[in-house]
Amino acid sequence: MRDVQNEIDFRNVEIDKVGVKNLRYPIVLSDKHHDKQQTIANINMSVSLPHHFRGTHMSRFIEVLNRHRREIDIHKMGEIMKDMKKVLDAQSAHLEFEFPYFIEKEAPVSRAKALMEYKCRFIGSLNDRMKILLGVSVPIITLCPCSKEISQYGAHNQRGEISVLLRFKGFLWIEDVIALVEDCASCKIYSLLKREDEKYITEKAYDNPAFVEDVVRNVALKFKKKESITWYQVEVTSYESIHNHDAYACIVKK
C-alpha cells in the first residue's frame, strides 16, 4: 500500500508539534496516604516533524502509550517521551497528562469526611534535555477587604482558584502542594459541610479578607522558601459575586 504520510514534502517547513490530542487513558499515581491512586487522564502526545516529511504516523503514538499501559505516572514520562522520539524519528517529544486527583478531606468542625477533587497536570518535553512540570488547581474562598472595610456588616465573598505550575528537583507530593497553597486564601473549600462547618467557614473568611494580589503573593513567598521548587508560575482567579467580571493576578519566577 502507498504510504502517503511518509512521502517527501518539498515546502521546506518544519513542524514544531504534531501528534494526537484529547486521548482518554487510565493512569496510576503515587498517593501520599494510600500508596496508589487510579484515575483517567486526558493525554496530548506530539513530536517535532522535519521539513522533508509530509506527515507523522499517528498510530505509533497509541502504540507507544500502550506499551507502558500497566503503570503510567510521572516517573514514566521520560521513558515514554524517549520511545516517542525513537519510534517517530523525532528531535523532540512532548507529553501532557491532565487528570482529576482525589483527596479525602475532613470538614473543619464536624470532621465529616468526603473526597475532594483537584485538577492536575503533568507537562513534559524532551529534546536535548528533559523538562517536567507539575500543575495543580486548588479551589479557594476569597473575601474582599474593601467590601469589609466600607460595609457596616458583611462583605462579599466568592469561590476562587489558585493554579500553579512547578518545576522541581527530587519528588513532590501533590498533597503537599495543595496544603501549601490553600492556606494562602481567605478560607479553604470542603466537599461536605454540616451547619457548624458553614458557620466556621463564613467567619474564617470574614476574619481573613484577601485580594487576589494578596493570595498570589502569599503563594509565591511560600514557593520561594521551598528549595525543591526551582521555578513556578502562580495564577489566582476570583469568580466575583457582585461584579460582571473575574479578578485575576499572576506571578512567574524570573
C-alpha atoms as a PDB file:
ATOM      1  CA  MET A   1       0.000   0.000   0.000  1.00  0.00           C
ATOM      2  CA  ARG A   2       1.125   3.532  -0.747  1.00  0.00           C
ATOM      3  CA  ASP A   3       2.471   5.294   2.380  1.00  0.00           C
ATOM      4  CA  VAL A   4       1.321   8.880   1.693  1.00  0.00           C
ATOM      5  CA  GLN A   5       2.365  10.379   5.028  1.00  0.00           C
ATOM      6  CA  ASN A   6       5.923   9.124   4.534  1.00  0.00           C
ATOM      7  CA  GLU A   7       6.313  10.911   1.200  1.00  0.00           C
ATOM      8  CA  ILE A   8       8.857  13.732   0.830  1.00  0.00           C
ATOM      9  CA  ASP A   9       7.460  17.236   1.325  1.00  0.00           C
ATOM     10  CA  PHE A  10       9.027  19.992  -0.791  1.00  0.00           C
ATOM     11  CA  ARG A  11       7.661  23.050   1.054  1.00  0.00           C
ATOM     12  CA  ASN A  12      10.703  23.066   3.369  1.00  0.00           C
ATOM     13  CA  VAL A  13       8.707  23.913   6.533  1.00  0.00           C
ATOM     14  CA  GLU A  14       9.388  22.165   9.820  1.00  0.00           C
ATOM     15  CA  ILE A  15       6.540  21.495  12.256  1.00  0.00           C
ATOM     16  CA  ASP A  16       7.178  22.083  15.961  1.00  0.00           C
ATOM     17  CA  LYS A  17       4.483  19.738  17.270  1.00  0.00           C
ATOM     18  CA  VAL A  18       2.366  17.120  15.555  1.00  0.00           C
ATOM     19  CA  GLY A  19       0.533  14.252  17.187  1.00  0.00           C
ATOM     20  CA  VAL A  20      -2.673  13.285  18.989  1.00  0.00           C
ATOM     21  CA  LYS A  21      -4.769  15.251  21.480  1.00  0.00           C
ATOM     22  CA  ASN A  22      -7.584  14.533  23.928  1.00  0.00           C
ATOM     23  CA  LEU A  23      -6.879  10.831  24.301  1.00  0.00           C
ATOM     24  CA  ARG A  24      -8.511   9.500  27.469  1.00  0.00           C
ATOM     25  CA  TYR A  25      -6.427   6.828  29.163  1.00  0.00           C
ATOM     26  CA  PRO A  26      -6.088   5.279  32.641  1.00  0.00           C
ATOM     27  CA  ILE A  27      -3.039   6.262  34.691  1.00  0.00           C
ATOM     28  CA  VAL A  28      -1.704   5.342  38.135  1.00  0.00           C
ATOM     29  CA  LEU A  29      -0.424   7.984  40.560  1.00  0.00           C
ATOM     30  CA  SER A  30       1.550   7.885  43.776  1.00  0.00           C
ATOM     31  CA  ASP A  31      -0.843   8.680  46.634  1.00  0.00           C
ATOM     32  CA  LYS A  32       0.729  10.003  49.841  1.00  0.00           C
ATOM     33  CA  HIS A  33      -1.823   8.315  52.089  1.00  0.00           C
ATOM     34  CA  HIS A  34      -2.972   5.288  50.067  1.00  0.00           C
ATOM     35  CA  ASP A  35       0.146   4.268  48.090  1.00  0.00           C
ATOM     36  CA  LYS A  36      -1.525   4.366  44.653  1.00  0.00           C
ATOM     37  CA  GLN A  37      -4.474   6.145  43.047  1.00  0.00           C
ATOM     38  CA  GLN A  38      -6.012   5.241  39.708  1.00  0.00           C
ATOM     39  CA  THR A  39      -7.604   7.951  37.596  1.00  0.00           C
ATOM     40  CA  ILE A  40      -8.378   8.829  33.977  1.00  0.00           C
ATOM     41  CA  ALA A  41      -6.159  11.322  32.171  1.00  0.00           C
ATOM     42  CA  ASN A  42      -6.721  13.445  29.095  1.00  0.00           C
ATOM     43  CA  ILE A  43      -3.461  12.944  27.180  1.00  0.00           C
ATOM     44  CA  ASN A  44      -1.736  15.000  24.471  1.00  0.00           C
ATOM     45  CA  MET A  45       1.259  13.489  22.658  1.00  0.00           C
ATOM     46  CA  SER A  46       3.340  15.217  19.998  1.00  0.00           C
ATOM     47  CA  VAL A  47       6.762  15.276  18.337  1.00  0.00           C
ATOM     48  CA  SER A  48       8.644  17.594  16.018  1.00  0.00           C
ATOM     49  CA  LEU A  49       8.452  16.830  12.300  1.00  0.00           C
ATOM     50  CA  PRO A  50      11.377  17.543   9.925  1.00  0.00           C
ATOM     51  CA  HIS A  51      10.650  19.635   6.853  1.00  0.00           C
ATOM     52  CA  HIS A  52      11.127  16.730   4.432  1.00  0.00           C
ATOM     53  CA  PHE A  53       8.376  14.507   5.920  1.00  0.00           C
ATOM     54  CA  ARG A  54       4.811  15.158   4.776  1.00  0.00           C
ATOM     55  CA  GLY A  55       3.170  13.629   7.841  1.00  0.00           C
ATOM     56  CA  THR A  56       3.732  11.665  11.036  1.00  0.00           C
ATOM     57  CA  HIS A  57       2.493   8.193  11.985  1.00  0.00           C
ATOM     58  CA  MET A  58      -0.441   8.878  14.306  1.00  0.00           C
ATOM     59  CA  SER A  59      -0.991   5.227  15.226  1.00  0.00           C
ATOM     60  CA  ARG A  60       2.527   4.953  16.654  1.00  0.00           C
ATOM     61  CA  PHE A  61       1.688   7.380  19.459  1.00  0.00           C
ATOM     62  CA  ILE A  62      -1.001   4.992  20.685  1.00  0.00           C
ATOM     63  CA  GLU A  63       1.334   2.028  20.306  1.00  0.00           C
ATOM     64  CA  VAL A  64       3.979   3.733  22.453  1.00  0.00           C
ATOM     65  CA  LEU A  65       1.441   4.588  25.147  1.00  0.00           C
ATOM     66  CA  ASN A  66       0.022   1.083  25.099  1.00  0.00           C
ATOM     67  CA  ARG A  67       3.456  -0.417  25.773  1.00  0.00           C
ATOM     68  CA  HIS A  68       3.530   1.481  29.093  1.00  0.00           C
ATOM     69  CA  ARG A  69      -0.123   0.872  29.967  1.00  0.00           C
ATOM     70  CA  ARG A  70       0.411  -1.189  33.133  1.00  0.00           C
ATOM     71  CA  GLU A  71       1.526   1.787  35.210  1.00  0.00           C
ATOM     72  CA  ILE A  72       1.666   5.211  33.622  1.00  0.00           C
ATOM     73  CA  ASP A  73       2.698   8.010  36.001  1.00  0.00           C
ATOM     74  CA  ILE A  74       5.072  10.981  36.218  1.00  0.00           C
ATOM     75  CA  HIS A  75       8.057   8.646  36.626  1.00  0.00           C
ATOM     76  CA  LYS A  76       7.303   7.009  33.264  1.00  0.00           C
ATOM     77  CA  MET A  77       7.024  10.262  31.316  1.00  0.00           C
ATOM     78  CA  GLY A  78      10.725  10.293  30.456  1.00  0.00           C
ATOM     79  CA  GLU A  79      10.638   6.706  29.137  1.00  0.00           C
ATOM     80  CA  ILE A  80       7.501   7.397  27.100  1.00  0.00           C
ATOM     81  CA  MET A  81       8.987  10.537  25.506  1.00  0.00           C
ATOM     82  CA  LYS A  82      12.247   8.693  24.699  1.00  0.00           C
ATOM     83  CA  ASP A  83      10.178   5.996  22.981  1.00  0.00           C
ATOM     84  CA  MET A  84       8.238   8.649  21.066  1.00  0.00           C
ATOM     85  CA  LYS A  85      11.458  10.228  19.784  1.00  0.00           C
ATOM     86  CA  LYS A  86      12.902   6.867  18.771  1.00  0.00           C
ATOM     87  CA  VAL A  87       9.812   5.348  17.171  1.00  0.00           C
ATOM     88  CA  LEU A  88       8.864   8.527  15.306  1.00  0.00           C
ATOM     89  CA  ASP A  89      12.456   9.550  14.432  1.00  0.00           C
ATOM     90  CA  ALA A  90      11.950  12.992  16.007  1.00  0.00           C
ATOM     91  CA  GLN A  91      14.243  15.616  17.522  1.00  0.00           C
ATOM     92  CA  SER A  92      11.833  16.472  20.334  1.00  0.00           C
ATOM     93  CA  ALA A  93       8.822  14.965  22.099  1.00  0.00           C
ATOM     94  CA  HIS A  94       6.045  16.488  24.200  1.00  0.00           C
ATOM     95  CA  LEU A  95       3.632  14.776  26.573  1.00  0.00           C
ATOM     96  CA  GLU A  96       0.782  16.175  28.688  1.00  0.00           C
ATOM     97  CA  PHE A  97      -1.466  14.437  31.211  1.00  0.00           C
ATOM     98  CA  GLU A  98      -4.468  16.302  32.636  1.00  0.00           C
ATOM     99  CA  PHE A  99      -6.431  14.437  35.276  1.00  0.00           C
ATOM    100  CA  PRO A 100      -8.638  14.663  38.370  1.00  0.00           C
ATOM    101  CA  TYR A 101      -6.912  13.789  41.647  1.00  0.00           C
ATOM    102  CA  PHE A 102      -8.944  12.968  44.759  1.00  0.00           C
ATOM    103  CA  ILE A 103      -8.062  13.568  48.398  1.00  0.00           C
ATOM    104  CA  GLU A 104     -10.175  12.629  51.411  1.00  0.00           C
ATOM    105  CA  LYS A 105     -10.751  15.836  53.338  1.00  0.00           C
ATOM    106  CA  GLU A 106     -12.207  16.472  56.786  1.00  0.00           C
ATOM    107  CA  ALA A 107     -14.667  19.280  57.438  1.00  0.00           C
ATOM    108  CA  PRO A 108     -13.156  21.823  59.870  1.00  0.00           C
ATOM    109  CA  VAL A 109     -15.540  21.321  62.824  1.00  0.00           C
ATOM    110  CA  SER A 110     -17.716  18.229  62.346  1.00  0.00           C
ATOM    111  CA  ARG A 111     -14.773  16.242  60.915  1.00  0.00           C
ATOM    112  CA  ALA A 112     -17.128  14.765  58.330  1.00  0.00           C
ATOM    113  CA  LYS A 113     -15.077  13.168  55.548  1.00  0.00           C
ATOM    114  CA  ALA A 114     -15.588  13.305  51.790  1.00  0.00           C
ATOM    115  CA  LEU A 115     -13.482  13.162  48.635  1.00  0.00           C
ATOM    116  CA  MET A 116     -12.316  16.471  47.189  1.00  0.00           C
ATOM    117  CA  GLU A 117     -11.366  16.741  43.501  1.00  0.00           C
ATOM    118  CA  TYR A 118      -8.349  18.726  42.301  1.00  0.00           C
ATOM    119  CA  LYS A 119      -7.445  19.345  38.649  1.00  0.00           C
ATOM    120  CA  CYS A 120      -3.826  18.385  37.988  1.00  0.00           C
ATOM    121  CA  ARG A 121      -1.401  18.288  35.056  1.00  0.00           C
ATOM    122  CA  PHE A 122       1.953  16.809  34.151  1.00  0.00           C
ATOM    123  CA  ILE A 123       3.658  18.593  31.232  1.00  0.00           C
ATOM    124  CA  GLY A 124       6.796  17.041  29.770  1.00  0.00           C
ATOM    125  CA  SER A 125       9.186  17.923  26.959  1.00  0.00           C
ATOM    126  CA  LEU A 126      12.313  16.169  25.737  1.00  0.00           C
ATOM    127  CA  ASN A 127      14.870  17.426  23.217  1.00  0.00           C
ATOM    128  CA  ASP A 128      18.499  17.736  24.315  1.00  0.00           C
ATOM    129  CA  ARG A 129      17.305  17.628  27.924  1.00  0.00           C
ATOM    130  CA  MET A 130      14.144  16.721  29.775  1.00  0.00           C
ATOM    131  CA  LYS A 131      11.719  19.163  31.450  1.00  0.00           C
ATOM    132  CA  ILE A 132       8.708  18.123  33.514  1.00  0.00           C
ATOM    133  CA  LEU A 133       6.214  20.499  35.133  1.00  0.00           C
ATOM    134  CA  LEU A 134       3.556  19.746  37.730  1.00  0.00           C
ATOM    135  CA  GLY A 135       0.334  21.735  37.553  1.00  0.00           C
ATOM    136  CA  VAL A 136      -2.293  21.854  40.303  1.00  0.00           C
ATOM    137  CA  SER A 137      -5.519  23.877  40.556  1.00  0.00           C
ATOM    138  CA  VAL A 138      -6.877  24.431  44.064  1.00  0.00           C
ATOM    139  CA  PRO A 139     -10.373  25.852  44.755  1.00  0.00           C
ATOM    140  CA  ILE A 140     -10.470  28.527  47.464  1.00  0.00           C
ATOM    141  CA  ILE A 141     -12.643  31.236  49.028  1.00  0.00           C
ATOM    142  CA  THR A 142     -11.736  34.930  48.848  1.00  0.00           C
ATOM    143  CA  LEU A 143     -13.396  37.745  50.805  1.00  0.00           C
ATOM    144  CA  CYS A 144     -12.948  41.314  49.603  1.00  0.00           C
ATOM    145  CA  PRO A 145     -11.024  43.582  52.043  1.00  0.00           C
ATOM    146  CA  CYS A 146     -12.605  46.717  50.505  1.00  0.00           C
ATOM    147  CA  SER A 147     -16.108  45.349  50.931  1.00  0.00           C
ATOM    148  CA  LYS A 148     -15.418  44.519  54.578  1.00  0.00           C
ATOM    149  CA  GLU A 149     -13.919  47.952  55.219  1.00  0.00           C
ATOM    150  CA  ILE A 150     -16.770  50.027  53.811  1.00  0.00           C
ATOM    151  CA  SER A 151     -19.722  47.901  54.956  1.00  0.00           C
ATOM    152  CA  GLN A 152     -21.430  48.225  58.343  1.00  0.00           C
ATOM    153  CA  TYR A 153     -21.905  44.450  58.334  1.00  0.00           C
ATOM    154  CA  GLY A 154     -20.980  41.634  55.973  1.00  0.00           C
ATOM    155  CA  ALA A 155     -18.633  41.552  52.986  1.00  0.00           C
ATOM    156  CA  HIS A 156     -18.872  39.975  49.557  1.00  0.00           C
ATOM    157  CA  ASN A 157     -17.092  36.665  49.205  1.00  0.00           C
ATOM    158  CA  GLN A 158     -16.819  34.097  46.441  1.00  0.00           C
ATOM    159  CA  ARG A 159     -15.109  30.981  45.192  1.00  0.00           C
ATOM    160  CA  GLY A 160     -11.749  31.334  43.557  1.00  0.00           C
ATOM    161  CA  GLU A 161      -8.945  29.188  42.227  1.00  0.00           C
ATOM    162  CA  ILE A 162      -5.193  29.043  42.672  1.00  0.00           C
ATOM    163  CA  SER A 163      -3.466  27.447  39.667  1.00  0.00           C
ATOM    164  CA  VAL A 164       0.236  26.658  39.908  1.00  0.00           C
ATOM    165  CA  LEU A 165       2.860  25.280  37.545  1.00  0.00           C
ATOM    166  CA  LEU A 166       6.031  23.991  39.195  1.00  0.00           C
ATOM    167  CA  ARG A 167       9.442  22.765  38.141  1.00  0.00           C
ATOM    168  CA  PHE A 168      11.137  20.895  40.955  1.00  0.00           C
ATOM    169  CA  LYS A 169      14.008  18.620  41.901  1.00  0.00           C
ATOM    170  CA  GLY A 170      13.563  15.314  43.638  1.00  0.00           C
ATOM    171  CA  PHE A 171       9.980  14.285  44.366  1.00  0.00           C
ATOM    172  CA  LEU A 172       6.978  16.455  45.184  1.00  0.00           C
ATOM    173  CA  TRP A 173       3.676  15.152  46.555  1.00  0.00           C
ATOM    174  CA  ILE A 174       0.520  16.622  45.023  1.00  0.00           C
ATOM    175  CA  GLU A 175      -0.972  16.617  48.531  1.00  0.00           C
ATOM    176  CA  ASP A 176       1.859  18.800  49.833  1.00  0.00           C
ATOM    177  CA  VAL A 177       1.422  21.345  47.036  1.00  0.00           C
ATOM    178  CA  ILE A 178      -2.292  21.607  47.781  1.00  0.00           C
ATOM    179  CA  ALA A 179      -1.711  22.007  51.530  1.00  0.00           C
ATOM    180  CA  LEU A 180       0.917  24.655  50.859  1.00  0.00           C
ATOM    181  CA  VAL A 181      -1.252  26.916  48.706  1.00  0.00           C
ATOM    182  CA  GLU A 182      -4.790  26.618  50.047  1.00  0.00           C
ATOM    183  CA  ASP A 183      -3.846  28.266  53.363  1.00  0.00           C
ATOM    184  CA  CYS A 184      -2.959  31.410  51.393  1.00  0.00           C
ATOM    185  CA  ALA A 185      -6.602  32.339  50.726  1.00  0.00           C
ATOM    186  CA  SER A 186      -9.369  33.666  52.960  1.00  0.00           C
ATOM    187  CA  CYS A 187     -10.532  30.107  53.605  1.00  0.00           C
ATOM    188  CA  LYS A 188     -10.316  26.565  52.244  1.00  0.00           C
ATOM    189  CA  ILE A 189     -13.125  24.800  50.396  1.00  0.00           C
ATOM    190  CA  TYR A 190     -14.541  21.442  51.504  1.00  0.00           C
ATOM    191  CA  SER A 191     -16.784  18.854  49.833  1.00  0.00           C
ATOM    192  CA  LEU A 192     -19.019  18.005  52.798  1.00  0.00           C
ATOM    193  CA  LEU A 193     -20.200  20.596  55.312  1.00  0.00           C
ATOM    194  CA  LYS A 194     -22.517  20.479  58.333  1.00  0.00           C
ATOM    195  CA  ARG A 195     -24.058  23.659  59.759  1.00  0.00           C
ATOM    196  CA  GLU A 196     -21.278  24.091  62.289  1.00  0.00           C
ATOM    197  CA  ASP A 197     -18.768  23.877  59.418  1.00  0.00           C
ATOM    198  CA  GLU A 198     -20.617  26.539  57.414  1.00  0.00           C
ATOM    199  CA  LYS A 199     -20.502  28.841  60.437  1.00  0.00           C
ATOM    200  CA  TYR A 200     -16.758  28.265  60.793  1.00  0.00           C
ATOM    201  CA  ILE A 201     -16.037  28.917  57.105  1.00  0.00           C
ATOM    202  CA  THR A 202     -18.163  32.074  56.971  1.00  0.00           C
ATOM    203  CA  GLU A 203     -16.397  33.532  59.997  1.00  0.00           C
ATOM    204  CA  LYS A 204     -12.947  32.292  58.942  1.00  0.00           C
ATOM    205  CA  ALA A 205     -13.233  34.030  55.576  1.00  0.00           C
ATOM    206  CA  TYR A 206     -14.536  37.218  57.229  1.00  0.00           C
ATOM    207  CA  ASP A 207     -11.538  37.276  59.576  1.00  0.00           C
ATOM    208  CA  ASN A 208      -9.087  36.743  56.668  1.00  0.00           C
ATOM    209  CA  PRO A 209     -10.020  39.122  53.820  1.00  0.00           C
ATOM    210  CA  ALA A 210      -7.716  38.837  50.799  1.00  0.00           C
ATOM    211  CA  PHE A 211      -7.424  40.357  47.333  1.00  0.00           C
ATOM    212  CA  VAL A 212      -6.173  38.132  44.514  1.00  0.00           C
ATOM    213  CA  GLU A 213      -2.982  40.211  44.812  1.00  0.00           C
ATOM    214  CA  ASP A 214      -2.651  39.108  48.453  1.00  0.00           C
ATOM    215  CA  VAL A 215      -3.222  35.450  47.635  1.00  0.00           C
ATOM    216  CA  VAL A 216      -0.788  35.291  44.710  1.00  0.00           C
ATOM    217  CA  ARG A 217       1.951  36.977  46.770  1.00  0.00           C
ATOM    218  CA  ASN A 218       1.343  34.629  49.711  1.00  0.00           C
ATOM    219  CA  VAL A 219       1.767  31.584  47.470  1.00  0.00           C
ATOM    220  CA  ALA A 220       4.880  32.980  45.734  1.00  0.00           C
ATOM    221  CA  LEU A 221       6.545  33.640  49.093  1.00  0.00           C
ATOM    222  CA  LYS A 222       5.893  30.065  50.208  1.00  0.00           C
ATOM    223  CA  PHE A 223       7.339  28.641  46.986  1.00  0.00           C
ATOM    224  CA  LYS A 224      10.350  30.912  47.297  1.00  0.00           C
ATOM    225  CA  LYS A 225      11.211  29.252  50.611  1.00  0.00           C
ATOM    226  CA  LYS A 226      10.993  25.710  49.184  1.00  0.00           C
ATOM    227  CA  GLU A 227      14.435  24.651  47.922  1.00  0.00           C
ATOM    228  CA  SER A 228      12.928  21.738  45.983  1.00  0.00           C
ATOM    229  CA  ILE A 229      10.894  24.151  43.791  1.00  0.00           C
ATOM    230  CA  THR A 230      13.200  25.614  41.135  1.00  0.00           C
ATOM    231  CA  TRP A 231      10.613  27.533  39.060  1.00  0.00           C
ATOM    232  CA  TYR A 232       6.962  28.459  39.467  1.00  0.00           C
ATOM    233  CA  GLN A 233       4.023  30.214  37.925  1.00  0.00           C
ATOM    234  CA  VAL A 234       1.136  31.165  40.210  1.00  0.00           C
ATOM    235  CA  GLU A 235      -2.257  32.348  38.918  1.00  0.00           C
ATOM    236  CA  VAL A 236      -5.180  33.338  41.131  1.00  0.00           C
ATOM    237  CA  THR A 237      -8.704  33.913  39.847  1.00  0.00           C
ATOM    238  CA  SER A 238     -11.588  35.167  41.961  1.00  0.00           C
ATOM    239  CA  TYR A 239     -15.016  34.418  40.459  1.00  0.00           C
ATOM    240  CA  GLU A 240     -16.554  37.680  41.640  1.00  0.00           C
ATOM    241  CA  SER A 241     -20.001  37.520  43.231  1.00  0.00           C
ATOM    242  CA  ILE A 242     -21.023  41.186  42.749  1.00  0.00           C
ATOM    243  CA  HIS A 243     -19.181  42.073  39.517  1.00  0.00           C
ATOM    244  CA  ASN A 244     -19.692  41.116  35.899  1.00  0.00           C
ATOM    245  CA  HIS A 245     -16.043  40.092  35.642  1.00  0.00           C
ATOM    246  CA  ASP A 246     -13.459  37.996  37.491  1.00  0.00           C
ATOM    247  CA  ALA A 247     -10.394  39.273  39.334  1.00  0.00           C
ATOM    248  CA  TYR A 248      -7.000  37.844  38.315  1.00  0.00           C
ATOM    249  CA  ALA A 249      -3.327  38.005  39.361  1.00  0.00           C
ATOM    250  CA  CYS A 250      -0.209  36.133  38.234  1.00  0.00           C
ATOM    251  CA  ILE A 251       3.432  35.819  39.362  1.00  0.00           C
ATOM    252  CA  VAL A 252       6.092  33.974  37.374  1.00  0.00           C
ATOM    253  CA  LYS A 253       9.541  33.315  38.827  1.00  0.00           C
ATOM    254  CA  LYS A 254      12.111  35.004  36.601  1.00  0.00           C
END
